[in-house]
Amino acid sequence: MVNNKKVILLKVLFAVFVFVPLVLFFKENAGLSFSLYTMGRLAAVYAVSFLCLQFILSSRLGLIEKGVGHPRLLKWHKKIGKLATIFVILHPLGLTFFSLKLGLDFGGIIRSYTAYHYLGSVALLLIFVVVASSIYSSKINLNYENWKVAHKLVYIILVLTFIHSFFLGSDVAARNSLYYWWVLVYGLSVAGVVHRHVYLPYLFRKSIFEVVNNKMLTQNTRSITLKSLDRKLVFKPGQFVFVTFYSRLLKQEDHPFTISSSAADTLVELTIKASGDFTAQLSKLRRGDRARLTGPYGVFTPREERSLFFIVGGVGITPVMSILRSFAETRNNRKIKLVYANKTRKDILFFDELSKISKRLGAEIKHVLSQEKLKGFSEGRIDAPMLQAELKGWSDSVFYVVGPRAMVQDITSMLGKLGVPGRNIVTELFSLK
């Protein structure tokens, strides 16, 4: 469940990174008229600030992530990344055009560059690579593994921008109030990197599990069951974990996977669709292989004693299964409805178990198939008319929408148009990028 106080905290953090640099800049430059030079310098301050903020948001700091949720943080991360890129571009443009306006020729400007200027140029090019890999990943069919490699360039960017600004920044040289802001934001960004890559692995060093089962559920989705070797994983139904598998046949890198088992179960089940190079290799996992789990994270969890309406696409059933299994074990008597969309009958995950759970909980389940006609199944896609019909008697429910990005966005929009308040819609995007 989303923690509204932490959402407000996130907004306050963003406001600090917007207004503090602005106030400090004009404090140190009182009386300075606006010009291309001013724009270039101010852009540099914001470029550094927003770049460093990215490392704070991606640090997996529980203070923020465990109440805000991965999809919301990802959304903020993308928006701030675009803002940082705009200011990174404005910084050299402002200073260059100011120099041209003074009468310097472009060749002379280039000849005046030092090694630190060129480091800034390299950082700019790397930022373009990272941003392009995010914005156009779907269009160029960039898989998660290659996207992740591209994103690791941000650590090089952090170092290059630090060196560039340390040796060329006028505010750094002047040791004024902006210098201390510069020290603070770079310090926080380094702390974020250390938290994610040093502290969390140390904190969860004993969160080691053993693979006890690895089986295919459908032609492209498998279930991996893990047994704790030290301490039981405590999580809320609907949450996910970052998993590092230790197998000589797989790369040792962490990936986010949603838990499909009940919160009361001693075993942890992960239901994973082969959607990239790494997940396609998970068939190589054997009984006895080890895994480290970091987490849990996520806010796609049941809230309040209200009826629940799940709208799910494909492997998005994973967190919902965790919720339904937990409810079935605790005999939770909440009113539940599930509309589950797949291409064909063979693509439906946990079909038999869902039938049993529906009887045990008295839940309503509607299966929708987009590429197959079968008796007892709805045909087509989940659209506004279908939702309007299904909503009768359920308008006061909390709606949980999970699946591919396009589906989640469409369903959320339809629910809004059908009168469902935004506060009663909880979403989870099955997108790693």
Protein backbone atom coordinates (compact mmCIF):
# COMPACT_ATOMS: atom_id res chain seq x y z
CA MET A 1 0.00 0.00 0.00
CA VAL A 2 1.27 3.46 -0.91
CA ASN A 3 2.41 5.55 2.06
CA ASN A 4 1.16 9.06 1.31
CA LYS A 5 3.59 10.59 3.80
CA LYS A 6 6.51 9.10 1.89
CA VAL A 7 5.08 10.33 -1.41
CA ILE A 8 4.97 13.82 0.13
CA LEU A 9 8.56 13.31 1.36
CA LEU A 10 9.59 12.48 -2.20
CA LYS A 11 7.93 15.66 -3.50
CA VAL A 12 9.62 17.71 -0.77
CA LEU A 13 12.98 16.20 -1.75
CA PHE A 14 12.40 17.22 -5.36
CA ALA A 15 11.37 20.74 -4.29
CA VAL A 16 14.60 21.07 -2.28
CA PHE A 17 16.62 20.15 -5.36
CA VAL A 18 14.70 22.73 -7.40
CA PHE A 19 14.64 25.75 -5.09
CA VAL A 20 17.80 25.49 -2.96
CA PRO A 21 20.20 25.70 -5.97
CA LEU A 22 18.15 28.58 -7.39
CA VAL A 23 18.23 30.57 -4.14
CA LEU A 24 21.94 29.93 -3.60
CA PHE A 25 22.79 30.83 -7.19
CA PHE A 26 21.14 34.24 -7.06
CA LYS A 27 22.48 34.83 -3.54
CA GLU A 28 26.01 34.39 -4.85
CA ASN A 29 25.29 36.35 -8.03
CA ALA A 30 23.25 39.27 -6.68
CA GLY A 31 22.83 41.97 -9.28
CA LEU A 32 23.91 39.71 -12.13
CA SER A 33 21.67 40.33 -15.14
CA PHE A 34 20.30 37.39 -17.06
CA SER A 35 22.42 36.43 -20.05
CA LEU A 36 23.58 33.38 -21.94
CA TYR A 37 26.47 33.19 -19.50
CA THR A 38 24.09 33.22 -16.53
CA MET A 39 21.93 30.58 -18.17
CA GLY A 40 24.95 28.35 -18.81
CA ARG A 41 26.16 28.57 -15.22
CA LEU A 42 22.70 28.03 -13.70
CA ALA A 43 22.15 25.08 -16.05
CA ALA A 44 25.37 23.54 -14.74
CA VAL A 45 24.12 23.83 -11.15
CA TYR A 46 20.84 22.12 -12.05
CA ALA A 47 22.52 19.48 -14.20
CA VAL A 48 24.71 18.43 -11.28
CA SER A 49 21.81 18.59 -8.81
CA PHE A 50 19.42 16.45 -10.86
CA LEU A 51 22.14 14.01 -11.87
CA CYS A 52 23.01 13.43 -8.22
CA LEU A 53 19.32 13.16 -7.29
CA GLN A 54 19.10 10.20 -9.69
CA PHE A 55 21.57 8.25 -7.56
CA ILE A 56 19.52 8.95 -4.45
CA LEU A 57 16.30 7.73 -6.09
CA SER A 58 17.97 4.56 -7.38
CA SER A 59 19.71 3.72 -4.10
CA ARG A 60 16.89 1.35 -3.01
CA LEU A 61 16.68 3.27 0.23
CA GLY A 62 13.86 1.71 2.24
CA LEU A 63 12.91 5.10 3.70
CA ILE A 64 11.53 6.03 0.28
CA GLU A 65 11.08 2.96 -1.91
CA LYS A 66 9.15 0.80 0.55
CA GLY A 67 6.36 3.34 0.80
CA VAL A 68 6.40 4.89 -2.66
CA GLY A 69 6.67 1.85 -4.88
CA HIS A 70 8.92 0.90 -7.77
CA PRO A 71 6.62 2.10 -10.62
CA ARG A 72 6.27 5.58 -9.11
CA LEU A 73 10.01 5.86 -8.45
CA LEU A 74 10.72 4.69 -11.99
CA LYS A 75 8.38 7.37 -13.32
CA TRP A 76 10.14 10.07 -11.28
CA HIS A 77 13.53 8.68 -12.27
CA LYS A 78 12.71 9.02 -15.98
CA LYS A 79 11.32 12.55 -15.66
CA ILE A 80 14.27 13.81 -13.63
CA GLY A 81 16.65 12.10 -16.06
CA LYS A 82 15.12 14.08 -18.92
CA LEU A 83 15.38 17.31 -16.88
CA ALA A 84 19.03 16.63 -16.11
CA THR A 85 19.72 16.02 -19.80
CA ILE A 86 18.10 19.33 -20.79
CA PHE A 87 20.28 21.25 -18.34
CA VAL A 88 23.39 19.30 -19.39
CA ILE A 89 22.74 20.50 -22.95
CA LEU A 90 21.94 24.09 -21.93
CA HIS A 91 25.16 24.40 -19.94
CA PRO A 92 27.67 24.26 -22.86
CA LEU A 93 25.24 25.95 -25.25
CA GLY A 94 24.84 28.96 -22.97
CA LEU A 95 28.57 29.39 -22.40
CA THR A 96 29.48 28.75 -26.04
CA PHE A 97 26.98 31.22 -27.51
CA PHE A 98 27.99 33.78 -24.89
CA SER A 99 31.60 33.47 -26.05
CA LEU A 100 30.53 33.76 -29.69
CA LYS A 101 28.55 36.86 -28.82
CA LEU A 102 31.73 38.38 -27.35
CA GLY A 103 33.41 37.95 -30.72
CA LEU A 104 35.33 34.73 -30.22
CA ASP A 105 35.23 32.29 -33.13
CA PHE A 106 34.19 28.67 -32.67
CA GLY A 107 37.65 27.37 -33.50
CA GLY A 108 39.16 29.61 -30.85
CA ILE A 109 36.71 28.32 -28.27
CA ILE A 110 37.63 24.71 -29.09
CA ARG A 111 41.36 25.51 -28.92
CA SER A 112 40.88 26.99 -25.45
CA TYR A 113 39.48 23.70 -24.15
CA THR A 114 41.45 21.84 -21.51
CA ALA A 115 41.31 18.12 -20.73
CA TYR A 116 38.60 18.89 -18.18
CA HIS A 117 36.40 20.44 -20.87
CA TYR A 118 36.74 17.29 -22.96
CA LEU A 119 35.83 15.13 -19.95
CA GLY A 120 32.60 17.13 -19.75
CA SER A 121 32.00 16.49 -23.46
CA VAL A 122 32.49 12.76 -22.98
CA ALA A 123 30.04 12.85 -20.06
CA LEU A 124 27.51 14.60 -22.31
CA LEU A 125 27.83 11.91 -24.99
CA LEU A 126 27.44 9.14 -22.39
CA ILE A 127 24.32 10.84 -21.02
CA PHE A 128 22.85 10.79 -24.53
CA VAL A 129 23.53 7.04 -24.72
CA VAL A 130 21.85 6.37 -21.36
CA VAL A 131 18.81 8.54 -22.11
CA ALA A 132 18.39 7.09 -25.62
CA SER A 133 18.59 3.54 -24.24
CA SER A 134 15.71 4.38 -21.91
CA ILE A 135 13.44 6.36 -24.23
CA TYR A 136 13.88 4.17 -27.31
CA SER A 137 14.49 0.76 -25.70
CA SER A 138 11.17 -0.60 -26.98
CA LYS A 139 11.59 0.76 -30.50
CA ILE A 140 15.08 -0.70 -30.91
CA ASN A 141 14.18 -3.94 -29.07
CA LEU A 142 16.84 -3.37 -26.42
CA ASN A 143 16.56 -6.19 -23.90
CA TYR A 144 16.88 -5.70 -20.16
CA GLU A 145 20.43 -7.03 -19.97
CA ASN A 146 21.80 -4.61 -22.59
CA TRP A 147 19.73 -1.76 -21.15
CA LYS A 148 21.30 -2.48 -17.77
CA VAL A 149 24.80 -2.38 -19.29
CA ALA A 150 24.01 1.00 -20.86
CA HIS A 151 22.75 2.29 -17.53
CA LYS A 152 26.00 1.34 -15.79
CA LEU A 153 27.56 4.20 -17.73
CA VAL A 154 25.97 6.54 -15.15
CA TYR A 155 28.78 5.69 -12.72
CA ILE A 156 31.35 6.86 -15.26
CA ILE A 157 29.23 9.97 -15.85
CA LEU A 158 29.20 10.71 -12.12
CA VAL A 159 33.01 10.57 -11.97
CA LEU A 160 33.50 12.63 -15.15
CA THR A 161 31.08 15.38 -14.09
CA PHE A 162 32.71 15.51 -10.66
CA ILE A 163 36.17 16.05 -12.18
CA HIS A 164 34.81 18.50 -14.77
CA SER A 165 32.98 20.66 -12.22
CA PHE A 166 35.74 20.44 -9.58
CA PHE A 167 38.41 21.86 -11.87
CA LEU A 168 36.30 24.25 -13.96
CA GLY A 169 33.41 25.30 -11.70
CA SER A 170 33.71 28.94 -10.65
CA ASP A 171 31.55 28.37 -7.57
CA VAL A 172 33.71 25.42 -6.53
CA ALA A 173 36.82 27.59 -6.87
CA ALA A 174 35.20 30.42 -4.93
CA ARG A 175 34.24 28.08 -2.05
CA ASN A 176 30.91 29.90 -1.71
CA SER A 177 27.54 28.50 -0.58
CA LEU A 178 27.03 26.75 -3.94
CA TYR A 179 30.29 24.92 -3.32
CA TYR A 180 28.83 23.42 -0.15
CA TRP A 181 25.67 22.45 -2.07
CA TRP A 182 27.95 20.81 -4.64
CA VAL A 183 29.73 18.87 -1.87
CA LEU A 184 26.37 17.84 -0.35
CA VAL A 185 24.76 16.52 -3.54
CA TYR A 186 27.84 14.64 -4.67
CA GLY A 187 28.21 13.24 -1.16
CA LEU A 188 24.59 12.06 -1.19
CA SER A 189 25.01 10.49 -4.62
CA VAL A 190 28.08 8.57 -3.47
CA ALA A 191 26.17 7.51 -0.34
CA GLY A 192 23.38 6.25 -2.61
CA VAL A 193 25.83 4.18 -4.63
CA VAL A 194 27.43 2.76 -1.49
CA HIS A 195 24.01 1.95 0.01
CA ARG A 196 22.93 0.03 -3.07
CA HIS A 197 26.13 -1.78 -3.98
CA VAL A 198 27.90 -2.20 -0.62
CA TYR A 199 25.51 -1.81 2.32
CA LEU A 200 22.54 -3.81 0.95
CA PRO A 201 24.68 -6.82 -0.11
CA TYR A 202 26.22 -6.75 3.37
CA LEU A 203 22.83 -6.37 5.09
CA PHE A 204 21.34 -9.29 3.16
CA ARG A 205 24.48 -11.44 3.13
CA LYS A 206 22.65 -14.05 5.24
CA SER A 207 19.47 -13.92 3.17
CA ILE A 208 20.59 -16.99 1.27
CA PHE A 209 18.13 -19.45 -0.26
CA GLU A 210 18.44 -22.77 -2.02
CA VAL A 211 16.67 -23.78 -5.22
CA VAL A 212 14.39 -26.73 -4.44
CA ASN A 213 12.29 -26.73 -7.61
CA ASN A 214 12.46 -25.24 -11.10
CA LYS A 215 9.61 -26.11 -13.45
CA MET A 216 7.87 -24.75 -16.54
CA LEU A 217 4.29 -23.55 -16.12
CA THR A 218 3.67 -22.50 -19.72
CA GLN A 219 5.82 -22.41 -22.84
CA ASN A 220 7.59 -19.20 -21.69
CA THR A 221 6.96 -18.95 -17.94
CA ARG A 222 8.53 -20.93 -15.13
CA SER A 223 8.22 -21.29 -11.37
CA ILE A 224 11.33 -21.31 -9.18
CA THR A 225 10.87 -22.40 -5.57
CA LEU A 226 13.41 -21.42 -2.93
CA LYS A 227 14.06 -22.61 0.63
CA SER A 228 15.68 -20.35 3.21
CA LEU A 229 19.01 -21.50 4.62
CA ASP A 230 19.04 -18.95 7.41
CA ARG A 231 15.96 -16.83 8.03
CA LYS A 232 12.47 -16.81 6.59
CA LEU A 233 11.66 -13.99 4.20
CA VAL A 234 9.06 -11.71 5.74
CA PHE A 235 7.00 -9.93 3.10
CA LYS A 236 3.53 -8.69 2.31
CA PRO A 237 1.50 -10.42 -0.41
CA GLY A 238 2.09 -8.62 -3.71
CA GLN A 239 5.69 -7.56 -3.09
CA PHE A 240 8.86 -8.36 -5.05
CA VAL A 241 12.53 -9.01 -4.30
CA PHE A 242 15.84 -8.52 -6.07
CA VAL A 243 17.43 -11.91 -6.64
CA THR A 244 21.03 -12.89 -7.36
CA PHE A 245 21.41 -16.54 -8.38
CA TYR A 246 24.67 -18.31 -7.64
CA SER A 247 25.16 -20.85 -10.39
CA ARG A 248 28.23 -21.54 -12.51
CA LEU A 249 25.95 -21.39 -15.57
CA LEU A 250 24.48 -17.91 -14.90
CA LYS A 251 25.82 -14.40 -14.48
CA GLN A 252 25.83 -13.18 -10.89
CA GLU A 253 23.65 -10.08 -11.21
CA ASP A 254 20.52 -9.07 -9.38
CA HIS A 255 17.13 -8.98 -11.08
CA PRO A 256 13.71 -8.03 -9.70
CA PHE A 257 11.18 -10.88 -9.47
CA THR A 258 7.72 -10.87 -7.93
CA ILE A 259 6.80 -13.40 -5.27
CA SER A 260 3.83 -15.62 -6.09
CA SER A 261 3.75 -17.70 -2.91
CA SER A 262 1.68 -17.03 0.18
CA ALA A 263 3.20 -14.79 2.84
CA ALA A 264 2.59 -17.62 5.32
CA ASP A 265 4.47 -20.20 3.25
CA THR A 266 7.92 -21.30 4.42
CA LEU A 267 9.02 -21.58 0.79
CA VAL A 268 9.36 -18.66 -1.62
CA GLU A 269 7.99 -19.13 -5.13
CA LEU A 270 8.98 -16.83 -7.99
CA THR A 271 7.00 -16.95 -11.24
CA ILE A 272 9.16 -15.66 -14.10
CA LYS A 273 8.47 -15.09 -17.77
CA ALA A 274 11.36 -15.45 -20.22
CA SER A 275 11.58 -11.86 -21.43
CA GLY A 276 15.32 -11.43 -22.03
CA ASP A 277 18.66 -13.18 -22.26
CA PHE A 278 18.98 -13.73 -18.50
CA THR A 279 15.45 -15.01 -17.82
CA ALA A 280 15.71 -17.31 -20.85
CA GLN A 281 18.71 -18.96 -19.16
CA LEU A 282 16.94 -19.75 -15.88
CA SER A 283 16.26 -23.29 -17.07
CA LYS A 284 19.92 -23.91 -16.22
CA LEU A 285 19.25 -23.50 -12.50
CA ARG A 286 19.51 -26.79 -10.63
CA ARG A 287 18.33 -28.05 -7.26
CA GLY A 288 20.87 -26.97 -4.68
CA ASP A 289 21.92 -23.79 -6.47
CA ARG A 290 21.92 -20.78 -4.17
CA ALA A 291 20.26 -17.36 -4.36
CA ARG A 292 20.47 -14.16 -2.37
CA LEU A 293 17.22 -12.23 -1.90
CA THR A 294 17.21 -8.49 -1.22
CA GLY A 295 13.99 -6.89 -0.11
CA PRO A 296 11.04 -7.06 -0.06
CA TYR A 297 9.92 -4.00 -2.02
CA GLY A 298 6.69 -2.80 -3.58
CA VAL A 299 3.33 -1.33 -2.60
CA PHE A 300 1.04 -3.57 -4.66
CA THR A 301 -0.42 -4.91 -1.43
CA PRO A 302 -4.01 -5.16 -0.13
CA ARG A 303 -5.27 -2.22 1.85
CA GLU A 304 -8.19 -1.80 4.21
CA GLU A 305 -11.10 -4.17 4.71
CA ARG A 306 -12.68 -3.47 1.33
CA SER A 307 -13.63 -5.53 -1.70
CA LEU A 308 -10.81 -6.11 -4.18
CA PHE A 309 -11.13 -6.01 -7.97
CA PHE A 310 -8.09 -7.35 -9.84
CA ILE A 311 -7.56 -6.66 -13.54
CA VAL A 312 -4.58 -8.67 -14.72
CA GLY A 313 -2.70 -9.39 -17.93
CA GLY A 314 -0.45 -12.42 -18.46
CA VAL A 315 2.36 -12.94 -15.97
CA GLY A 316 0.92 -10.00 -14.01
CA ILE A 317 -1.01 -12.67 -12.12
CA THR A 318 2.14 -13.31 -10.05
CA PRO A 319 1.57 -10.74 -7.24
CA VAL A 320 -2.16 -11.45 -7.33
CA MET A 321 -1.49 -15.16 -6.73
CA SER A 322 0.52 -14.22 -3.65
CA ILE A 323 -2.44 -12.20 -2.39
CA LEU A 324 -5.04 -14.88 -3.20
CA ARG A 325 -2.94 -17.68 -1.72
CA SER A 326 -2.41 -15.68 1.46
CA PHE A 327 -6.13 -14.94 1.72
CA ALA A 328 -6.97 -18.61 1.14
CA GLU A 329 -4.66 -19.69 3.97
CA THR A 330 -6.01 -17.12 6.42
CA ARG A 331 -9.65 -17.62 5.33
CA ASN A 332 -9.98 -13.92 4.51
CA ASN A 333 -13.61 -13.28 3.63
CA ARG A 334 -13.22 -10.13 1.56
CA LYS A 335 -15.25 -9.79 -1.62
CA ILE A 336 -12.90 -10.51 -4.54
CA LYS A 337 -13.17 -10.35 -8.32
CA LEU A 338 -10.51 -11.18 -10.90
CA VAL A 339 -10.60 -10.34 -14.60
CA TYR A 340 -7.63 -12.14 -16.14
CA ALA A 341 -6.54 -11.53 -19.75
CA ASN A 342 -4.39 -13.88 -21.83
CA LYS A 343 -3.91 -14.77 -25.48
CA THR A 344 -4.98 -18.42 -25.28
CA ARG A 345 -6.09 -21.01 -22.71
CA LYS A 346 -2.55 -22.45 -22.62
CA ASP A 347 -1.18 -19.06 -21.55
CA ILE A 348 -3.27 -18.93 -18.38
CA LEU A 349 -1.08 -19.40 -15.33
CA PHE A 350 -2.38 -21.30 -12.28
CA PHE A 351 -5.72 -22.08 -13.99
CA ASP A 352 -6.63 -25.07 -11.81
CA GLU A 353 -5.44 -23.45 -8.60
CA LEU A 354 -7.39 -20.28 -9.38
CA SER A 355 -10.54 -22.39 -9.74
CA LYS A 356 -9.95 -23.97 -6.32
CA ILE A 357 -9.16 -20.62 -4.67
CA SER A 358 -12.29 -19.04 -6.18
CA LYS A 359 -14.42 -21.73 -4.54
CA ARG A 360 -12.61 -21.42 -1.23
CA LEU A 361 -12.87 -17.61 -1.10
CA GLY A 362 -16.10 -17.22 -3.05
CA ALA A 363 -14.21 -15.08 -5.54
CA GLU A 364 -15.48 -14.26 -9.03
CA ILE A 365 -13.05 -15.04 -11.84
CA LYS A 366 -13.48 -14.03 -15.47
CA HIS A 367 -10.99 -15.25 -18.06
CA VAL A 368 -10.57 -13.18 -21.23
CA LEU A 369 -8.81 -14.66 -24.29
CA SER A 370 -7.72 -12.40 -27.14
CA GLN A 371 -6.65 -15.07 -29.66
CA GLU A 372 -8.88 -18.06 -28.98
CA LYS A 373 -12.61 -18.81 -28.81
CA LEU A 374 -13.63 -21.24 -26.07
CA LYS A 375 -16.85 -21.97 -24.25
CA GLY A 376 -16.88 -20.42 -20.78
CA PHE A 377 -14.25 -17.82 -21.68
CA SER A 378 -14.78 -14.22 -22.79
CA GLU A 379 -13.39 -13.33 -26.18
CA GLY A 380 -11.37 -10.24 -27.19
CA ARG A 381 -9.62 -7.67 -25.08
CA ILE A 382 -10.60 -5.89 -21.90
CA ASP A 383 -12.30 -2.74 -23.15
CA ALA A 384 -14.58 -0.04 -21.73
CA PRO A 385 -17.90 -1.85 -22.40
CA MET A 386 -16.59 -5.02 -20.75
CA LEU A 387 -15.31 -3.09 -17.73
CA GLN A 388 -18.56 -1.17 -17.41
CA ALA A 389 -20.48 -4.46 -17.30
CA GLU A 390 -18.09 -6.01 -14.77
CA LEU A 391 -18.14 -2.95 -12.51
CA LYS A 392 -21.80 -3.35 -11.55
CA GLY A 393 -21.89 -3.81 -7.79
CA TRP A 394 -18.12 -3.27 -7.50
CA SER A 395 -17.76 0.50 -7.88
CA ASP A 396 -16.64 0.97 -4.25
CA SER A 397 -13.84 -1.59 -4.55
CA VAL A 398 -10.11 -0.98 -4.62
CA PHE A 399 -8.93 -1.78 -8.16
CA TYR A 400 -5.58 -3.48 -8.67
CA VAL A 401 -4.30 -3.31 -12.24
CA VAL A 402 -1.16 -5.21 -13.22
CA GLY A 403 0.37 -6.29 -16.50
CA PRO A 404 2.17 -4.84 -19.53
CA ARG A 405 2.65 -1.05 -19.54
CA ALA A 406 0.20 -0.34 -22.38
CA MET A 407 -2.52 -2.44 -20.78
CA VAL A 408 -2.11 -0.84 -17.36
CA GLN A 409 -2.27 2.65 -18.84
CA ASP A 410 -5.35 1.84 -20.92
CA ILE A 411 -7.23 0.15 -18.08
CA THR A 412 -6.38 2.95 -15.64
CA SER A 413 -7.71 5.51 -18.11
CA MET A 414 -10.90 3.51 -18.68
CA LEU A 415 -11.54 3.13 -14.95
CA GLY A 416 -11.14 6.87 -14.49
CA LYS A 417 -13.65 7.58 -17.26
CA LEU A 418 -16.05 5.10 -15.67
CA GLY A 419 -15.97 7.12 -12.44
CA VAL A 420 -13.46 5.18 -10.33
CA PRO A 421 -11.45 7.66 -8.18
CA GLY A 422 -7.70 7.61 -8.72
CA ARG A 423 -7.16 6.92 -5.01
CA ASN A 424 -8.94 3.57 -5.47
CA ILE A 425 -6.68 2.41 -8.30
CA VAL A 426 -3.41 0.63 -7.49
CA THR A 427 -1.12 -0.24 -10.40
CA GLU A 428 1.95 -2.35 -10.99
CA LEU A 429 3.84 -2.23 -14.28
CA PHE A 430 5.53 -5.43 -15.39
CA SER A 431 8.38 -3.46 -16.90
CA LEU A 432 11.98 -3.57 -15.69
CA LYS A 433 13.06 -0.41 -17.54
